[in-house]
C-alpha cells in the first residue's frame, strides 16, 4: 500500500516535485530527474538486460517514456522511484522479448568446394532446452515457489522490493517504515532460508 506523501523521505518529495515540473514540459526539470535517477534505473535494467549497450538503449527509452507519461504519475498510488522503477523493469522485459523475436540472419553454412556447403550447426548440439531440462526448470520453479511461501510476510515483501522492484535496502526500509538494520536482517535471513530450502529440495529430488 502506498504511503502518504507526508510520510515520504525528503528525496521522494523532491523527486515528486521534479516529476510534476516534467509533466508541464520543463526540460530543466527533466535533466534534473535524469541526473538523480539514471544510475539507479540503469542498475534495474542491467538486472534484466545483461548486455550493457542494450541496457543503455533501454534506459533512453525509459526516459522518453517518462517525458511522455509524467502526467500519469499518481502520488496516491506509488512513490516516484517506485513508479520509475516499474517503467524501467517493463522496458527491460520488452527489450528481451524483442531480441528473442528478432529473426537471425547470420549464415551458418561454409563452402566446401564444388558448390557444396556444410551447415556448421550440424556439428553442435541444440542450445535449446530439451524435455529433461524443461522438466528440471519447472521443478525448480515449483521448489522456489514453495520455499518463498515458507518465508514470513516481512521477508517475502522485502525480497520482492529489493529484487523485483530493484530498490536498495535503504529504500526498502523507507517503503516499509522499518529500521534499515531490520530490513537488512530480513533480506539476509530470507536468502539463507531460501538457499537451505532449495538445497533440501534438490537433495530430495535426487
N, C-alpha and C. Protein backbone atom coordinates (compact mmCIF):
# COMPACT_ATOMS: atom_id res chain seq x y z
N UNK A 1 0.85 -1.18 0.00
CA UNK A 1 0.00 0.00 0.00
C UNK A 1 0.89 1.23 0.00
N UNK A 2 0.57 2.20 -0.83
CA UNK A 2 1.38 3.40 -0.93
C UNK A 2 1.22 4.25 0.32
N UNK A 3 2.33 4.85 0.77
CA UNK A 3 2.28 5.73 1.92
C UNK A 3 1.90 7.14 1.47
N UNK A 4 1.44 7.92 2.42
CA UNK A 4 1.08 9.30 2.13
C UNK A 4 2.33 10.10 1.82
N UNK A 5 2.25 11.06 0.88
CA UNK A 5 3.42 11.89 0.58
C UNK A 5 3.99 12.58 1.81
N UNK A 6 3.15 12.85 2.81
CA UNK A 6 3.65 13.47 4.03
C UNK A 6 4.62 12.56 4.77
N UNK A 7 4.52 11.25 4.53
CA UNK A 7 5.40 10.29 5.22
C UNK A 7 6.62 9.93 4.39
N UNK A 8 6.74 10.50 3.20
CA UNK A 8 7.86 10.18 2.34
C UNK A 8 9.16 10.81 2.87
N UNK A 9 10.28 10.29 2.35
CA UNK A 9 11.56 10.91 2.64
C UNK A 9 11.65 12.22 1.86
N UNK A 10 12.60 13.04 2.24
CA UNK A 10 12.81 14.31 1.54
C UNK A 10 13.13 14.06 0.06
N UNK A 11 13.91 13.01 -0.19
CA UNK A 11 14.27 12.70 -1.58
C UNK A 11 13.04 12.38 -2.41
N UNK A 12 12.13 11.59 -1.85
CA UNK A 12 10.93 11.22 -2.59
C UNK A 12 10.07 12.44 -2.87
N UNK A 13 9.97 13.32 -1.90
CA UNK A 13 9.17 14.53 -2.12
C UNK A 13 9.81 15.42 -3.18
N UNK A 14 11.13 15.49 -3.18
CA UNK A 14 11.83 16.29 -4.19
C UNK A 14 11.63 15.69 -5.59
N UNK A 15 11.72 14.37 -5.68
CA UNK A 15 11.51 13.71 -6.97
C UNK A 15 10.08 13.93 -7.47
N UNK A 16 9.12 13.89 -6.55
CA UNK A 16 7.73 14.13 -6.94
C UNK A 16 7.56 15.54 -7.48
N UNK A 17 8.23 16.50 -6.85
CA UNK A 17 8.16 17.89 -7.32
C UNK A 17 8.80 18.02 -8.70
N UNK A 18 9.92 17.33 -8.89
CA UNK A 18 10.59 17.38 -10.20
C UNK A 18 9.69 16.75 -11.26
N UNK A 19 9.07 15.63 -10.93
CA UNK A 19 8.18 14.96 -11.88
C UNK A 19 7.00 15.86 -12.26
N UNK A 20 6.49 16.61 -11.30
CA UNK A 20 5.36 17.50 -11.60
C UNK A 20 5.78 18.57 -12.58
N UNK A 21 7.04 19.04 -12.49
CA UNK A 21 7.52 20.03 -13.45
C UNK A 21 7.78 19.39 -14.81
N UNK A 22 8.25 18.13 -14.80
CA UNK A 22 8.45 17.41 -16.06
C UNK A 22 7.11 17.26 -16.78
N UNK A 23 6.06 16.99 -16.02
CA UNK A 23 4.73 16.83 -16.60
C UNK A 23 4.26 18.09 -17.30
N UNK A 24 4.82 19.24 -16.90
CA UNK A 24 4.47 20.52 -17.53
C UNK A 24 5.39 20.86 -18.70
N UNK A 25 6.32 19.94 -19.02
CA UNK A 25 7.22 20.16 -20.15
C UNK A 25 8.48 20.90 -19.80
N UNK A 26 8.86 20.91 -18.52
CA UNK A 26 10.06 21.61 -18.06
C UNK A 26 11.29 20.76 -18.36
N UNK A 27 12.07 21.19 -19.36
CA UNK A 27 13.24 20.40 -19.78
C UNK A 27 14.36 20.44 -18.72
N UNK A 28 14.49 21.53 -18.01
CA UNK A 28 15.49 21.59 -16.95
C UNK A 28 15.16 20.60 -15.84
N UNK A 29 13.88 20.50 -15.52
CA UNK A 29 13.46 19.52 -14.51
C UNK A 29 13.71 18.10 -15.00
N UNK A 30 13.51 17.88 -16.29
CA UNK A 30 13.77 16.56 -16.86
C UNK A 30 15.25 16.20 -16.75
N UNK A 31 16.12 17.17 -17.01
CA UNK A 31 17.55 16.93 -16.87
C UNK A 31 17.91 16.62 -15.42
N UNK A 32 17.27 17.30 -14.49
CA UNK A 32 17.49 17.04 -13.07
C UNK A 32 17.04 15.63 -12.70
N UNK A 33 15.88 15.24 -13.20
CA UNK A 33 15.36 13.90 -12.93
C UNK A 33 16.33 12.84 -13.44
N UNK A 34 16.84 13.05 -14.64
CA UNK A 34 17.79 12.09 -15.23
C UNK A 34 19.05 12.00 -14.37
N UNK A 35 19.56 13.13 -13.94
CA UNK A 35 20.78 13.16 -13.14
C UNK A 35 20.60 12.42 -11.82
N UNK A 36 19.44 12.55 -11.22
CA UNK A 36 19.21 11.98 -9.88
C UNK A 36 18.81 10.51 -9.91
N UNK A 37 18.31 10.03 -11.02
CA UNK A 37 17.75 8.67 -11.02
C UNK A 37 18.36 7.72 -12.05
N UNK A 38 19.15 8.22 -12.99
CA UNK A 38 19.60 7.37 -14.10
C UNK A 38 20.49 6.22 -13.65
N UNK A 39 21.38 6.47 -12.68
CA UNK A 39 22.27 5.38 -12.24
C UNK A 39 21.48 4.25 -11.59
N UNK A 40 20.47 4.62 -10.80
CA UNK A 40 19.63 3.60 -10.16
C UNK A 40 18.84 2.82 -11.20
N UNK A 41 18.25 3.52 -12.15
CA UNK A 41 17.42 2.84 -13.15
C UNK A 41 18.27 1.99 -14.09
N UNK A 42 19.50 2.42 -14.38
CA UNK A 42 20.38 1.59 -15.20
C UNK A 42 20.67 0.29 -14.47
N UNK A 43 20.88 0.35 -13.16
CA UNK A 43 21.09 -0.87 -12.39
C UNK A 43 19.90 -1.80 -12.45
N UNK A 44 18.69 -1.23 -12.40
CA UNK A 44 17.47 -2.04 -12.51
C UNK A 44 17.42 -2.73 -13.87
N UNK A 45 17.71 -1.99 -14.93
CA UNK A 45 17.67 -2.56 -16.28
C UNK A 45 18.72 -3.65 -16.44
N UNK A 46 19.91 -3.42 -15.91
CA UNK A 46 21.00 -4.39 -16.07
C UNK A 46 20.72 -5.71 -15.35
N UNK A 47 19.86 -5.70 -14.36
CA UNK A 47 19.49 -6.96 -13.71
C UNK A 47 18.68 -7.85 -14.65
N UNK A 48 18.05 -7.23 -15.63
CA UNK A 48 17.20 -7.98 -16.56
C UNK A 48 17.88 -8.11 -17.93
N UNK A 49 18.36 -6.99 -18.45
CA UNK A 49 19.03 -6.96 -19.75
C UNK A 49 20.53 -6.86 -19.48
N UNK A 50 21.23 -7.99 -19.57
CA UNK A 50 22.64 -8.05 -19.16
C UNK A 50 23.58 -7.35 -20.13
N UNK A 51 23.17 -7.21 -21.38
CA UNK A 51 24.02 -6.56 -22.38
C UNK A 51 24.07 -5.05 -22.08
N UNK A 52 25.28 -4.55 -21.80
CA UNK A 52 25.42 -3.15 -21.37
C UNK A 52 24.91 -2.17 -22.43
N UNK A 53 25.29 -2.40 -23.68
CA UNK A 53 24.87 -1.48 -24.74
C UNK A 53 23.35 -1.49 -24.89
N UNK A 54 22.76 -2.69 -24.85
CA UNK A 54 21.31 -2.79 -24.93
C UNK A 54 20.65 -2.12 -23.72
N UNK A 55 21.25 -2.30 -22.55
CA UNK A 55 20.69 -1.70 -21.34
C UNK A 55 20.69 -0.18 -21.43
N UNK A 56 21.75 0.38 -21.99
CA UNK A 56 21.81 1.84 -22.13
C UNK A 56 20.76 2.33 -23.12
N UNK A 57 20.53 1.55 -24.18
CA UNK A 57 19.46 1.91 -25.12
C UNK A 57 18.10 1.86 -24.43
N UNK A 58 17.90 0.83 -23.60
CA UNK A 58 16.64 0.71 -22.87
C UNK A 58 16.46 1.91 -21.95
N UNK A 59 17.55 2.32 -21.30
CA UNK A 59 17.46 3.46 -20.38
C UNK A 59 16.98 4.71 -21.11
N UNK A 60 17.46 4.91 -22.33
CA UNK A 60 16.99 6.07 -23.10
C UNK A 60 15.49 5.95 -23.39
N UNK A 61 15.04 4.74 -23.70
CA UNK A 61 13.61 4.52 -23.93
C UNK A 61 12.80 4.82 -22.66
N UNK A 62 13.38 4.46 -21.53
CA UNK A 62 12.69 4.71 -20.26
C UNK A 62 12.43 6.20 -20.08
N UNK A 63 13.44 7.02 -20.34
CA UNK A 63 13.27 8.45 -20.10
C UNK A 63 12.41 9.11 -21.17
N UNK A 64 12.42 8.57 -22.37
CA UNK A 64 11.47 9.06 -23.37
C UNK A 64 10.05 8.78 -22.90
N UNK A 65 9.84 7.59 -22.36
CA UNK A 65 8.53 7.21 -21.84
C UNK A 65 8.14 8.11 -20.66
N UNK A 66 9.10 8.38 -19.78
CA UNK A 66 8.83 9.23 -18.62
C UNK A 66 8.44 10.64 -19.07
N UNK A 67 9.16 11.16 -20.06
CA UNK A 67 8.85 12.50 -20.57
C UNK A 67 7.42 12.57 -21.09
N UNK A 68 7.00 11.50 -21.76
CA UNK A 68 5.66 11.49 -22.34
C UNK A 68 4.57 11.18 -21.32
N UNK A 69 4.92 10.42 -20.29
CA UNK A 69 3.90 9.90 -19.38
C UNK A 69 3.96 10.50 -17.99
N UNK A 70 4.75 11.54 -17.80
CA UNK A 70 4.92 12.11 -16.46
C UNK A 70 3.60 12.57 -15.86
N UNK A 71 2.68 13.00 -16.70
CA UNK A 71 1.38 13.44 -16.18
C UNK A 71 0.60 12.29 -15.55
N UNK A 72 0.97 11.06 -15.90
CA UNK A 72 0.26 9.90 -15.36
C UNK A 72 0.74 9.48 -13.98
N UNK A 73 1.80 10.11 -13.47
CA UNK A 73 2.28 9.74 -12.14
C UNK A 73 1.25 10.16 -11.09
N UNK A 74 0.89 9.21 -10.23
CA UNK A 74 -0.11 9.44 -9.18
C UNK A 74 0.53 9.18 -7.82
N UNK A 75 0.74 10.24 -7.06
CA UNK A 75 1.41 10.11 -5.77
C UNK A 75 0.60 9.32 -4.76
N UNK A 76 -0.69 9.13 -5.02
CA UNK A 76 -1.51 8.35 -4.09
C UNK A 76 -1.33 6.85 -4.32
N UNK A 77 -0.71 6.47 -5.43
CA UNK A 77 -0.55 5.05 -5.76
C UNK A 77 0.86 4.54 -5.50
N UNK A 78 1.87 5.38 -5.68
CA UNK A 78 3.24 4.93 -5.50
C UNK A 78 4.17 6.12 -5.32
N UNK A 79 5.34 5.82 -4.80
CA UNK A 79 6.37 6.84 -4.68
C UNK A 79 7.06 7.02 -6.03
N UNK A 80 7.70 8.16 -6.26
CA UNK A 80 8.30 8.44 -7.57
C UNK A 80 9.27 7.37 -8.04
N UNK A 81 10.19 6.96 -7.17
CA UNK A 81 11.20 5.99 -7.60
C UNK A 81 10.58 4.62 -7.88
N UNK A 82 9.55 4.27 -7.15
CA UNK A 82 8.85 3.01 -7.42
C UNK A 82 8.19 3.06 -8.79
N UNK A 83 7.58 4.19 -9.11
CA UNK A 83 6.94 4.37 -10.43
C UNK A 83 7.97 4.31 -11.54
N UNK A 84 9.09 4.99 -11.35
CA UNK A 84 10.16 4.98 -12.36
C UNK A 84 10.75 3.58 -12.52
N UNK A 85 10.94 2.89 -11.40
CA UNK A 85 11.50 1.53 -11.44
C UNK A 85 10.58 0.59 -12.21
N UNK A 86 9.28 0.74 -12.03
CA UNK A 86 8.32 -0.10 -12.75
C UNK A 86 8.43 0.12 -14.25
N UNK A 87 8.57 1.36 -14.66
CA UNK A 87 8.73 1.66 -16.09
C UNK A 87 10.02 1.02 -16.61
N UNK A 88 11.11 1.16 -15.85
CA UNK A 88 12.39 0.59 -16.28
C UNK A 88 12.32 -0.92 -16.41
N UNK A 89 11.70 -1.59 -15.44
CA UNK A 89 11.58 -3.05 -15.50
C UNK A 89 10.77 -3.49 -16.71
N UNK A 90 9.66 -2.80 -16.96
CA UNK A 90 8.81 -3.18 -18.10
C UNK A 90 9.53 -2.97 -19.42
N UNK A 91 10.27 -1.88 -19.54
CA UNK A 91 11.03 -1.62 -20.77
C UNK A 91 12.14 -2.66 -20.96
N UNK A 92 12.80 -3.05 -19.88
CA UNK A 92 13.85 -4.05 -19.98
C UNK A 92 13.28 -5.40 -20.41
N UNK A 93 12.14 -5.78 -19.85
CA UNK A 93 11.50 -7.03 -20.23
C UNK A 93 11.06 -6.99 -21.69
N UNK A 94 10.51 -5.85 -22.11
CA UNK A 94 10.12 -5.70 -23.51
C UNK A 94 11.32 -5.82 -24.43
N UNK A 95 12.46 -5.30 -24.00
CA UNK A 95 13.69 -5.39 -24.80
C UNK A 95 14.11 -6.84 -25.00
N UNK A 96 14.03 -7.63 -23.94
CA UNK A 96 14.38 -9.05 -24.07
C UNK A 96 13.43 -9.76 -25.02
N UNK A 97 12.16 -9.45 -24.93
CA UNK A 97 11.18 -10.08 -25.82
C UNK A 97 11.43 -9.71 -27.27
N UNK A 98 11.79 -8.45 -27.50
CA UNK A 98 12.08 -8.03 -28.88
C UNK A 98 13.28 -8.79 -29.43
N UNK A 99 14.32 -8.92 -28.60
CA UNK A 99 15.52 -9.63 -29.06
C UNK A 99 15.21 -11.08 -29.39
N UNK A 100 14.36 -11.70 -28.56
CA UNK A 100 14.03 -13.11 -28.79
C UNK A 100 13.19 -13.30 -30.05
N UNK A 101 12.43 -12.28 -30.44
CA UNK A 101 11.57 -12.41 -31.61
C UNK A 101 12.24 -11.95 -32.90
N UNK A 102 13.45 -11.36 -32.78
CA UNK A 102 14.13 -10.90 -33.99
C UNK A 102 14.62 -12.08 -34.81
N UNK A 103 14.46 -12.05 -36.14
CA UNK A 103 14.98 -13.13 -36.98
C UNK A 103 16.49 -13.13 -36.99
N UNK A 104 17.07 -14.32 -36.96
CA UNK A 104 18.52 -14.46 -37.02
C UNK A 104 18.96 -14.61 -38.47
N UNK A 105 19.84 -13.71 -38.92
CA UNK A 105 20.22 -13.71 -40.34
C UNK A 105 21.67 -14.13 -40.57
N UNK A 106 22.36 -14.55 -39.50
CA UNK A 106 23.75 -14.95 -39.67
C UNK A 106 23.80 -16.33 -40.32
N UNK A 107 24.58 -16.47 -41.39
CA UNK A 107 24.70 -17.75 -42.08
C UNK A 107 25.58 -18.70 -41.27
N UNK A 108 25.16 -19.94 -41.21
CA UNK A 108 25.94 -20.96 -40.52
C UNK A 108 26.58 -21.95 -41.49
N UNK A 109 26.47 -21.65 -42.79
CA UNK A 109 27.00 -22.55 -43.81
C UNK A 109 28.38 -22.11 -44.27
N UNK A 110 29.22 -23.10 -44.56
CA UNK A 110 30.55 -22.83 -45.09
C UNK A 110 30.72 -23.61 -46.38
N UNK A 111 31.44 -23.02 -47.32
CA UNK A 111 31.68 -23.70 -48.59
C UNK A 111 32.75 -24.76 -48.48
N UNK A 112 32.49 -25.89 -49.13
CA UNK A 112 33.46 -26.99 -49.11
C UNK A 112 34.08 -27.23 -50.48
N UNK A 113 33.76 -26.32 -51.39
CA UNK A 113 34.27 -26.50 -52.74
C UNK A 113 33.29 -27.23 -53.62
N UNK A 114 33.39 -27.01 -54.95
CA UNK A 114 32.49 -27.66 -55.91
C UNK A 114 31.03 -27.37 -55.57
N UNK A 115 30.79 -26.15 -55.09
CA UNK A 115 29.43 -25.69 -54.79
C UNK A 115 28.77 -26.45 -53.65
N UNK A 116 29.55 -27.24 -52.91
CA UNK A 116 28.97 -27.94 -51.75
C UNK A 116 29.04 -27.02 -50.53
N UNK A 117 28.06 -27.14 -49.67
CA UNK A 117 28.04 -26.36 -48.44
C UNK A 117 27.78 -27.29 -47.26
N UNK A 118 28.28 -26.87 -46.10
CA UNK A 118 28.09 -27.65 -44.88
C UNK A 118 27.55 -26.72 -43.81
N UNK A 119 26.48 -27.12 -43.17
CA UNK A 119 25.88 -26.34 -42.10
C UNK A 119 26.60 -26.65 -40.80
N UNK A 120 27.29 -25.64 -40.24
CA UNK A 120 28.07 -25.86 -39.03
C UNK A 120 27.21 -26.24 -37.84
N UNK A 121 25.92 -25.89 -37.86
CA UNK A 121 25.06 -26.23 -36.74
C UNK A 121 24.91 -27.73 -36.56
N UNK A 122 25.17 -28.48 -37.65
CA UNK A 122 25.07 -29.93 -37.53
C UNK A 122 26.15 -30.50 -36.61
N UNK A 123 27.21 -29.71 -36.37
CA UNK A 123 28.31 -30.20 -35.54
C UNK A 123 28.10 -29.93 -34.06
N UNK A 124 27.02 -29.24 -33.73
CA UNK A 124 26.79 -28.86 -32.34
C UNK A 124 25.42 -29.32 -31.88
N UNK A 125 25.34 -29.61 -30.59
CA UNK A 125 24.04 -29.93 -30.02
C UNK A 125 23.19 -28.67 -29.97
N UNK A 126 21.88 -28.84 -30.04
CA UNK A 126 20.99 -27.69 -29.98
C UNK A 126 21.11 -26.99 -28.64
N UNK A 127 21.19 -25.63 -28.63
CA UNK A 127 21.26 -24.91 -27.36
C UNK A 127 19.92 -24.84 -26.65
N UNK A 128 18.85 -25.21 -27.34
CA UNK A 128 17.53 -25.14 -26.73
C UNK A 128 17.38 -26.20 -25.63
N UNK A 129 16.61 -25.86 -24.63
CA UNK A 129 16.37 -26.81 -23.54
C UNK A 129 15.60 -28.01 -24.05
N UNK A 130 16.08 -29.20 -23.68
CA UNK A 130 15.38 -30.42 -24.04
C UNK A 130 14.30 -30.74 -23.04
N UNK A 131 13.58 -31.85 -23.24
CA UNK A 131 12.49 -32.21 -22.33
C UNK A 131 12.94 -32.34 -20.88
N UNK A 132 14.09 -32.96 -20.64
CA UNK A 132 14.56 -33.12 -19.27
C UNK A 132 14.92 -31.78 -18.65
N UNK A 133 15.54 -30.89 -19.48
CA UNK A 133 15.88 -29.56 -18.99
C UNK A 133 14.62 -28.79 -18.61
N UNK A 134 13.62 -28.85 -19.47
CA UNK A 134 12.36 -28.14 -19.19
C UNK A 134 11.69 -28.68 -17.94
N UNK A 135 11.77 -29.99 -17.76
CA UNK A 135 11.19 -30.60 -16.56
C UNK A 135 11.92 -30.11 -15.31
N UNK A 136 13.26 -30.03 -15.43
CA UNK A 136 14.04 -29.54 -14.30
C UNK A 136 13.73 -28.09 -13.97
N UNK A 137 13.55 -27.26 -15.01
CA UNK A 137 13.22 -25.85 -14.78
C UNK A 137 11.87 -25.72 -14.09
N UNK A 138 10.91 -26.53 -14.52
CA UNK A 138 9.59 -26.49 -13.90
C UNK A 138 9.67 -26.91 -12.44
N UNK A 139 10.48 -27.94 -12.18
CA UNK A 139 10.63 -28.40 -10.80
C UNK A 139 11.29 -27.31 -9.95
N UNK A 140 12.30 -26.63 -10.53
CA UNK A 140 12.96 -25.54 -9.80
C UNK A 140 11.97 -24.44 -9.47
N UNK A 141 11.12 -24.10 -10.44
CA UNK A 141 10.14 -23.04 -10.23
C UNK A 141 9.16 -23.40 -9.11
N UNK A 142 8.73 -24.67 -9.10
CA UNK A 142 7.81 -25.12 -8.04
C UNK A 142 8.51 -25.11 -6.69
N UNK A 143 9.78 -25.53 -6.68
CA UNK A 143 10.53 -25.54 -5.43
C UNK A 143 10.70 -24.13 -4.90
N UNK A 144 11.04 -23.19 -5.79
CA UNK A 144 11.22 -21.81 -5.35
C UNK A 144 9.91 -21.23 -4.82
N UNK A 145 8.81 -21.55 -5.49
CA UNK A 145 7.52 -21.05 -5.04
C UNK A 145 7.19 -21.58 -3.65
N UNK A 146 7.45 -22.87 -3.45
CA UNK A 146 7.19 -23.47 -2.15
C UNK A 146 8.08 -22.88 -1.07
N UNK A 147 9.34 -22.64 -1.40
CA UNK A 147 10.27 -22.08 -0.42
C UNK A 147 9.90 -20.64 -0.09
N UNK A 148 9.43 -19.88 -1.07
CA UNK A 148 9.02 -18.50 -0.83
C UNK A 148 7.85 -18.46 0.15
N UNK A 149 6.91 -19.41 -0.01
CA UNK A 149 5.74 -19.44 0.87
C UNK A 149 6.12 -19.72 2.32
N UNK A 150 7.27 -20.36 2.51
CA UNK A 150 7.71 -20.68 3.87
C UNK A 150 8.30 -19.48 4.59
N UNK A 151 8.59 -18.41 3.86
CA UNK A 151 9.15 -17.20 4.48
C UNK A 151 8.05 -16.41 5.16
N UNK A 152 8.45 -15.57 6.08
CA UNK A 152 7.48 -14.68 6.73
C UNK A 152 7.01 -13.62 5.74
N UNK A 153 5.91 -12.97 6.05
CA UNK A 153 5.40 -11.93 5.17
C UNK A 153 6.39 -10.80 5.00
N UNK A 154 7.07 -10.42 6.10
CA UNK A 154 8.07 -9.35 6.02
C UNK A 154 9.23 -9.73 5.10
N UNK A 155 9.67 -10.98 5.21
CA UNK A 155 10.78 -11.43 4.36
C UNK A 155 10.37 -11.46 2.89
N UNK A 156 9.17 -11.97 2.62
CA UNK A 156 8.70 -12.00 1.23
C UNK A 156 8.60 -10.60 0.65
N UNK A 157 8.06 -9.68 1.41
CA UNK A 157 7.88 -8.32 0.91
C UNK A 157 9.24 -7.64 0.70
N UNK A 158 10.17 -7.86 1.61
CA UNK A 158 11.50 -7.27 1.48
C UNK A 158 12.21 -7.78 0.23
N UNK A 159 12.14 -9.08 0.01
CA UNK A 159 12.77 -9.65 -1.19
C UNK A 159 12.12 -9.13 -2.46
N UNK A 160 10.80 -9.03 -2.46
CA UNK A 160 10.10 -8.55 -3.65
C UNK A 160 10.52 -7.12 -3.99
N UNK A 161 10.62 -6.27 -2.98
CA UNK A 161 11.01 -4.88 -3.22
C UNK A 161 12.47 -4.78 -3.66
N UNK A 162 13.33 -5.59 -3.05
CA UNK A 162 14.76 -5.49 -3.34
C UNK A 162 15.13 -6.10 -4.68
N UNK A 163 14.53 -7.26 -5.02
CA UNK A 163 14.99 -7.98 -6.19
C UNK A 163 14.05 -7.87 -7.39
N UNK A 164 12.79 -7.59 -7.18
CA UNK A 164 11.86 -7.46 -8.30
C UNK A 164 11.61 -6.00 -8.67
N UNK A 165 11.67 -5.10 -7.67
CA UNK A 165 11.49 -3.68 -7.97
C UNK A 165 12.81 -2.93 -7.97
N UNK A 166 13.89 -3.61 -7.60
CA UNK A 166 15.21 -3.00 -7.70
C UNK A 166 15.51 -1.95 -6.66
N UNK A 167 14.81 -1.94 -5.53
CA UNK A 167 15.07 -0.94 -4.51
C UNK A 167 16.29 -1.32 -3.67
N UNK A 168 17.00 -0.31 -3.20
CA UNK A 168 18.10 -0.55 -2.28
C UNK A 168 17.54 -0.91 -0.91
N UNK A 169 18.42 -1.39 -0.02
CA UNK A 169 17.97 -1.72 1.33
C UNK A 169 17.39 -0.48 2.02
N UNK A 170 18.03 0.66 1.82
CA UNK A 170 17.54 1.89 2.44
C UNK A 170 16.16 2.26 1.91
N UNK A 171 15.96 2.07 0.62
CA UNK A 171 14.66 2.39 0.02
C UNK A 171 13.59 1.40 0.48
N UNK A 172 13.98 0.14 0.64
CA UNK A 172 13.03 -0.84 1.17
C UNK A 172 12.63 -0.47 2.59
N UNK A 173 13.62 -0.08 3.38
CA UNK A 173 13.34 0.33 4.76
C UNK A 173 12.40 1.52 4.79
N UNK A 174 12.64 2.47 3.89
CA UNK A 174 11.76 3.65 3.82
C UNK A 174 10.35 3.25 3.39
N UNK A 175 10.27 2.36 2.42
CA UNK A 175 8.97 1.93 1.91
C UNK A 175 8.17 1.19 2.99
N UNK A 176 8.84 0.35 3.77
CA UNK A 176 8.17 -0.45 4.78
C UNK A 176 8.09 0.24 6.14
N UNK A 177 8.72 1.42 6.23
CA UNK A 177 8.72 2.16 7.50
C UNK A 177 9.34 1.32 8.62
N UNK A 178 10.49 0.72 8.31
CA UNK A 178 11.19 -0.12 9.27
C UNK A 178 12.65 0.33 9.35
N UNK A 179 13.33 0.06 10.45
CA UNK A 179 14.76 0.41 10.55
C UNK A 179 15.56 -0.32 9.48
N UNK A 180 16.61 0.35 9.01
CA UNK A 180 17.45 -0.24 7.96
C UNK A 180 18.04 -1.57 8.41
N UNK A 181 18.51 -1.64 9.67
CA UNK A 181 19.09 -2.89 10.16
C UNK A 181 18.09 -4.03 10.16
N UNK A 182 16.84 -3.73 10.47
CA UNK A 182 15.79 -4.76 10.47
C UNK A 182 15.57 -5.30 9.07
N UNK A 183 15.50 -4.39 8.09
CA UNK A 183 15.29 -4.81 6.70
C UNK A 183 16.46 -5.64 6.20
N UNK A 184 17.68 -5.21 6.50
CA UNK A 184 18.86 -5.99 6.09
C UNK A 184 18.81 -7.39 6.69
N UNK A 185 18.38 -7.47 7.95
CA UNK A 185 18.28 -8.78 8.61
C UNK A 185 17.22 -9.64 7.94
N UNK A 186 16.07 -9.05 7.60
CA UNK A 186 15.02 -9.80 6.91
C UNK A 186 15.53 -10.37 5.60
N UNK A 187 16.19 -9.52 4.82
CA UNK A 187 16.67 -9.95 3.50
C UNK A 187 17.73 -11.04 3.66
N UNK A 188 18.67 -10.83 4.59
CA UNK A 188 19.75 -11.81 4.78
C UNK A 188 19.20 -13.16 5.22
N UNK A 189 18.30 -13.14 6.21
CA UNK A 189 17.73 -14.40 6.70
C UNK A 189 16.86 -15.07 5.65
N UNK A 190 16.16 -14.25 4.87
CA UNK A 190 15.32 -14.82 3.80
C UNK A 190 16.18 -15.53 2.77
N UNK A 191 17.30 -14.92 2.38
CA UNK A 191 18.18 -15.55 1.39
C UNK A 191 18.79 -16.84 1.94
N UNK A 192 19.18 -16.81 3.22
CA UNK A 192 19.73 -18.02 3.84
C UNK A 192 18.67 -19.13 3.87
N UNK A 193 17.44 -18.76 4.23
CA UNK A 193 16.36 -19.75 4.29
C UNK A 193 16.06 -20.31 2.91
N UNK A 194 16.04 -19.44 1.90
CA UNK A 194 15.77 -19.89 0.54
C UNK A 194 16.85 -20.85 0.06
N UNK A 195 18.09 -20.49 0.33
CA UNK A 195 19.19 -21.36 -0.12
C UNK A 195 19.09 -22.73 0.53
N UNK A 196 18.86 -22.76 1.85
CA UNK A 196 18.74 -24.04 2.52
C UNK A 196 17.55 -24.85 2.04
N UNK A 197 16.42 -24.16 1.83
CA UNK A 197 15.21 -24.84 1.36
C UNK A 197 15.41 -25.43 -0.03
N UNK A 198 16.04 -24.66 -0.93
CA UNK A 198 16.27 -25.14 -2.29
C UNK A 198 17.27 -26.29 -2.31
N UNK A 199 18.28 -26.21 -1.46
CA UNK A 199 19.25 -27.31 -1.38
C UNK A 199 18.57 -28.59 -0.90
N UNK A 200 17.69 -28.45 0.08
CA UNK A 200 16.94 -29.64 0.56
C UNK A 200 16.03 -30.19 -0.53
N UNK A 201 15.40 -29.27 -1.28
CA UNK A 201 14.51 -29.70 -2.35
C UNK A 201 15.26 -30.46 -3.41
N UNK A 202 16.44 -29.96 -3.77
CA UNK A 202 17.24 -30.66 -4.78
C UNK A 202 17.75 -31.98 -4.25
N UNK A 203 18.09 -32.01 -2.95
CA UNK A 203 18.56 -33.26 -2.36
C UNK A 203 17.48 -34.31 -2.34
N UNK A 204 16.24 -33.88 -2.08
CA UNK A 204 15.11 -34.81 -2.09
C UNK A 204 14.86 -35.33 -3.49
N UNK A 205 15.00 -34.39 -4.48
CA UNK A 205 14.73 -34.78 -5.87
C UNK A 205 15.73 -35.79 -6.38
N UNK A 206 16.97 -35.71 -5.85
CA UNK A 206 17.97 -36.64 -6.32
C UNK A 206 18.00 -37.88 -5.44
